[in-house]
């Protein structure tokens, strides 16, 4: 699950700076994903992590969209096990 989630976050590239520039942020979000099942709560974490690192604003709606995809990956992994 973690590899899929990290790959999704890298492909997201919210600041259009290249997918290889988000390793720390992706790791922080995936760590938070372990304990969060609510898309809005995860979206707030995503927004906070990325805005803190890059000092740029991300619309909350964009964060919600990616959070739904991440939670889908999480629950898909749970069903496989």
N, C-alpha and C. Protein backbone atom coordinates (compact mmCIF):
# COMPACT_ATOMS: atom_id res chain seq x y z
N UNK A 1 0.81 -1.19 0.00
CA UNK A 1 0.00 0.00 0.00
C UNK A 1 0.86 1.26 0.00
N UNK A 2 1.90 1.27 0.83
CA UNK A 2 2.72 2.47 0.94
C UNK A 2 3.36 2.86 -0.39
N UNK A 3 3.85 1.89 -1.13
CA UNK A 3 4.47 2.19 -2.42
C UNK A 3 3.46 2.79 -3.39
N UNK A 4 2.27 2.24 -3.42
CA UNK A 4 1.23 2.76 -4.31
C UNK A 4 0.83 4.17 -3.91
N UNK A 5 0.70 4.41 -2.63
CA UNK A 5 0.32 5.74 -2.14
C UNK A 5 1.42 6.76 -2.45
N UNK A 6 2.65 6.39 -2.23
CA UNK A 6 3.76 7.31 -2.51
C UNK A 6 3.84 7.61 -4.00
N UNK A 7 3.66 6.60 -4.82
CA UNK A 7 3.69 6.81 -6.27
C UNK A 7 2.56 7.75 -6.71
N UNK A 8 1.38 7.57 -6.14
CA UNK A 8 0.26 8.45 -6.46
C UNK A 8 0.57 9.89 -6.07
N UNK A 9 1.12 10.09 -4.89
CA UNK A 9 1.46 11.44 -4.44
C UNK A 9 2.53 12.08 -5.32
N UNK A 10 3.50 11.29 -5.75
CA UNK A 10 4.53 11.83 -6.65
C UNK A 10 3.93 12.24 -7.99
N UNK A 11 3.03 11.43 -8.51
CA UNK A 11 2.39 11.74 -9.80
C UNK A 11 1.49 12.96 -9.68
N UNK A 12 0.95 13.19 -8.50
CA UNK A 12 0.05 14.33 -8.28
C UNK A 12 0.76 15.65 -8.61
N UNK A 13 1.96 15.85 -8.14
CA UNK A 13 2.81 17.01 -8.46
C UNK A 13 2.02 18.33 -8.41
N UNK A 14 1.51 18.72 -7.24
CA UNK A 14 0.62 19.88 -7.15
C UNK A 14 1.27 21.22 -7.52
N UNK A 15 2.60 21.30 -7.45
CA UNK A 15 3.27 22.56 -7.77
C UNK A 15 4.00 22.52 -9.11
N UNK A 16 3.84 21.42 -9.84
CA UNK A 16 4.42 21.26 -11.18
C UNK A 16 5.93 21.52 -11.17
N UNK A 17 6.61 20.86 -10.25
CA UNK A 17 8.07 21.00 -10.15
C UNK A 17 8.79 19.69 -10.42
N UNK A 18 8.04 18.69 -10.82
CA UNK A 18 8.62 17.38 -11.09
C UNK A 18 8.32 16.39 -9.98
N UNK A 19 8.02 15.18 -10.36
CA UNK A 19 7.55 14.18 -9.41
C UNK A 19 8.62 13.72 -8.41
N UNK A 20 9.87 14.01 -8.67
CA UNK A 20 10.92 13.56 -7.76
C UNK A 20 11.21 14.55 -6.64
N UNK A 21 10.40 15.57 -6.49
CA UNK A 21 10.65 16.61 -5.50
C UNK A 21 9.74 16.55 -4.28
N UNK A 22 9.08 15.42 -4.07
CA UNK A 22 8.09 15.33 -3.00
C UNK A 22 8.32 14.16 -2.04
N UNK A 23 9.52 13.65 -1.97
CA UNK A 23 9.77 12.46 -1.16
C UNK A 23 9.39 12.65 0.31
N UNK A 24 9.81 13.73 0.91
CA UNK A 24 9.54 13.99 2.33
C UNK A 24 8.04 14.17 2.57
N UNK A 25 7.41 14.94 1.72
CA UNK A 25 5.98 15.22 1.87
C UNK A 25 5.16 13.94 1.68
N UNK A 26 5.52 13.14 0.69
CA UNK A 26 4.81 11.88 0.45
C UNK A 26 4.94 10.96 1.65
N UNK A 27 6.14 10.88 2.22
CA UNK A 27 6.35 10.03 3.40
C UNK A 27 5.51 10.52 4.58
N UNK A 28 5.43 11.82 4.78
CA UNK A 28 4.64 12.37 5.87
C UNK A 28 3.15 12.07 5.69
N UNK A 29 2.67 12.22 4.48
CA UNK A 29 1.25 11.97 4.20
C UNK A 29 0.93 10.48 4.36
N UNK A 30 1.78 9.62 3.86
CA UNK A 30 1.54 8.18 3.98
C UNK A 30 1.57 7.75 5.45
N UNK A 31 2.45 8.35 6.24
CA UNK A 31 2.46 8.05 7.68
C UNK A 31 1.13 8.45 8.32
N UNK A 32 0.61 9.62 7.93
CA UNK A 32 -0.67 10.07 8.47
C UNK A 32 -1.81 9.19 7.98
N UNK A 33 -1.71 8.71 6.75
CA UNK A 33 -2.75 7.85 6.16
C UNK A 33 -2.99 6.59 6.99
N UNK A 34 -1.96 6.10 7.65
CA UNK A 34 -2.10 4.88 8.45
C UNK A 34 -3.19 5.00 9.51
N UNK A 35 -3.36 6.20 10.06
CA UNK A 35 -4.32 6.37 11.15
C UNK A 35 -5.54 7.20 10.80
N UNK A 36 -5.72 7.54 9.54
CA UNK A 36 -6.84 8.39 9.13
C UNK A 36 -7.68 7.68 8.07
N UNK A 37 -9.00 7.66 8.31
CA UNK A 37 -9.92 7.08 7.33
C UNK A 37 -10.86 8.13 6.73
N UNK A 38 -10.84 9.34 7.26
CA UNK A 38 -11.74 10.40 6.81
C UNK A 38 -11.04 11.26 5.75
N UNK A 39 -11.62 11.36 4.55
CA UNK A 39 -10.97 12.12 3.48
C UNK A 39 -10.73 13.59 3.82
N UNK A 40 -11.66 14.22 4.50
CA UNK A 40 -11.47 15.64 4.85
C UNK A 40 -10.33 15.83 5.83
N UNK A 41 -10.22 14.92 6.78
CA UNK A 41 -9.14 15.00 7.76
C UNK A 41 -7.79 14.77 7.07
N UNK A 42 -7.73 13.80 6.20
CA UNK A 42 -6.49 13.53 5.47
C UNK A 42 -6.16 14.71 4.54
N UNK A 43 -7.16 15.30 3.92
CA UNK A 43 -6.94 16.45 3.05
C UNK A 43 -6.32 17.61 3.81
N UNK A 44 -6.76 17.83 5.03
CA UNK A 44 -6.18 18.90 5.84
C UNK A 44 -4.71 18.63 6.13
N UNK A 45 -4.37 17.37 6.41
CA UNK A 45 -2.97 16.99 6.64
C UNK A 45 -2.16 17.24 5.37
N UNK A 46 -2.69 16.82 4.24
CA UNK A 46 -1.99 17.01 2.96
C UNK A 46 -1.74 18.49 2.72
N UNK A 47 -2.77 19.29 2.88
CA UNK A 47 -2.65 20.72 2.67
C UNK A 47 -1.59 21.33 3.59
N UNK A 48 -1.62 20.95 4.85
CA UNK A 48 -0.66 21.49 5.83
C UNK A 48 0.77 21.08 5.50
N UNK A 49 0.98 19.80 5.20
CA UNK A 49 2.32 19.29 4.91
C UNK A 49 2.92 19.97 3.68
N UNK A 50 2.18 20.02 2.60
CA UNK A 50 2.71 20.60 1.36
C UNK A 50 2.88 22.11 1.47
N UNK A 51 1.92 22.78 2.09
CA UNK A 51 2.05 24.23 2.24
C UNK A 51 3.22 24.60 3.15
N UNK A 52 3.46 23.81 4.18
CA UNK A 52 4.58 24.08 5.08
C UNK A 52 5.91 23.93 4.34
N UNK A 53 6.03 22.89 3.54
CA UNK A 53 7.29 22.63 2.84
C UNK A 53 7.57 23.63 1.73
N UNK A 54 6.54 24.00 0.98
CA UNK A 54 6.76 24.80 -0.22
C UNK A 54 6.29 26.25 -0.09
N UNK A 55 5.66 26.56 1.03
CA UNK A 55 5.15 27.91 1.28
C UNK A 55 4.29 28.41 0.13
N UNK A 56 3.48 27.50 -0.39
CA UNK A 56 2.51 27.82 -1.44
C UNK A 56 1.17 27.22 -1.05
N UNK A 57 0.10 27.90 -1.40
CA UNK A 57 -1.24 27.47 -1.06
C UNK A 57 -1.73 26.43 -2.05
N UNK A 58 -2.42 25.41 -1.54
CA UNK A 58 -3.09 24.41 -2.37
C UNK A 58 -4.58 24.49 -2.05
N UNK A 59 -5.44 24.59 -3.04
CA UNK A 59 -6.88 24.59 -2.75
C UNK A 59 -7.29 23.31 -2.03
N UNK A 60 -8.13 23.47 -1.02
CA UNK A 60 -8.56 22.33 -0.21
C UNK A 60 -9.23 21.26 -1.09
N UNK A 61 -9.95 21.68 -2.11
CA UNK A 61 -10.64 20.74 -2.99
C UNK A 61 -9.65 19.81 -3.68
N UNK A 62 -8.48 20.32 -4.05
CA UNK A 62 -7.45 19.49 -4.67
C UNK A 62 -6.93 18.44 -3.68
N UNK A 63 -6.80 18.85 -2.44
CA UNK A 63 -6.33 17.94 -1.40
C UNK A 63 -7.37 16.87 -1.10
N UNK A 64 -8.65 17.25 -1.13
CA UNK A 64 -9.72 16.28 -0.91
C UNK A 64 -9.72 15.24 -2.03
N UNK A 65 -9.54 15.68 -3.26
CA UNK A 65 -9.55 14.76 -4.40
C UNK A 65 -8.45 13.70 -4.27
N UNK A 66 -7.25 14.12 -3.92
CA UNK A 66 -6.16 13.15 -3.77
C UNK A 66 -6.35 12.30 -2.52
N UNK A 67 -6.97 12.85 -1.49
CA UNK A 67 -7.18 12.08 -0.26
C UNK A 67 -8.14 10.92 -0.51
N UNK A 68 -9.17 11.13 -1.32
CA UNK A 68 -10.09 10.03 -1.66
C UNK A 68 -9.34 8.90 -2.37
N UNK A 69 -8.44 9.26 -3.26
CA UNK A 69 -7.67 8.25 -3.99
C UNK A 69 -6.75 7.49 -3.04
N UNK A 70 -6.14 8.20 -2.11
CA UNK A 70 -5.25 7.55 -1.14
C UNK A 70 -6.01 6.61 -0.22
N UNK A 71 -7.16 7.04 0.23
CA UNK A 71 -7.97 6.18 1.11
C UNK A 71 -8.48 4.96 0.35
N UNK A 72 -8.78 5.13 -0.94
CA UNK A 72 -9.18 3.98 -1.76
C UNK A 72 -8.04 2.97 -1.84
N UNK A 73 -6.81 3.45 -2.01
CA UNK A 73 -5.65 2.55 -2.03
C UNK A 73 -5.54 1.82 -0.70
N UNK A 74 -5.72 2.55 0.38
CA UNK A 74 -5.62 1.96 1.72
C UNK A 74 -6.65 0.85 1.91
N UNK A 75 -7.91 1.11 1.56
CA UNK A 75 -8.94 0.12 1.78
C UNK A 75 -8.83 -1.05 0.80
N UNK A 76 -8.33 -0.78 -0.39
CA UNK A 76 -8.08 -1.87 -1.34
C UNK A 76 -7.02 -2.82 -0.79
N UNK A 77 -6.00 -2.26 -0.18
CA UNK A 77 -4.94 -3.08 0.42
C UNK A 77 -5.48 -3.90 1.58
N UNK A 78 -6.38 -3.34 2.36
CA UNK A 78 -6.98 -4.07 3.48
C UNK A 78 -7.80 -5.23 2.99
N UNK A 79 -8.50 -5.06 1.86
CA UNK A 79 -9.34 -6.13 1.33
C UNK A 79 -8.52 -7.28 0.77
N UNK A 80 -7.33 -6.95 0.26
CA UNK A 80 -6.47 -7.99 -0.32
C UNK A 80 -5.92 -8.89 0.78
N UNK A 81 -5.62 -8.32 1.92
CA UNK A 81 -5.02 -9.08 3.02
C UNK A 81 -6.00 -9.94 3.64
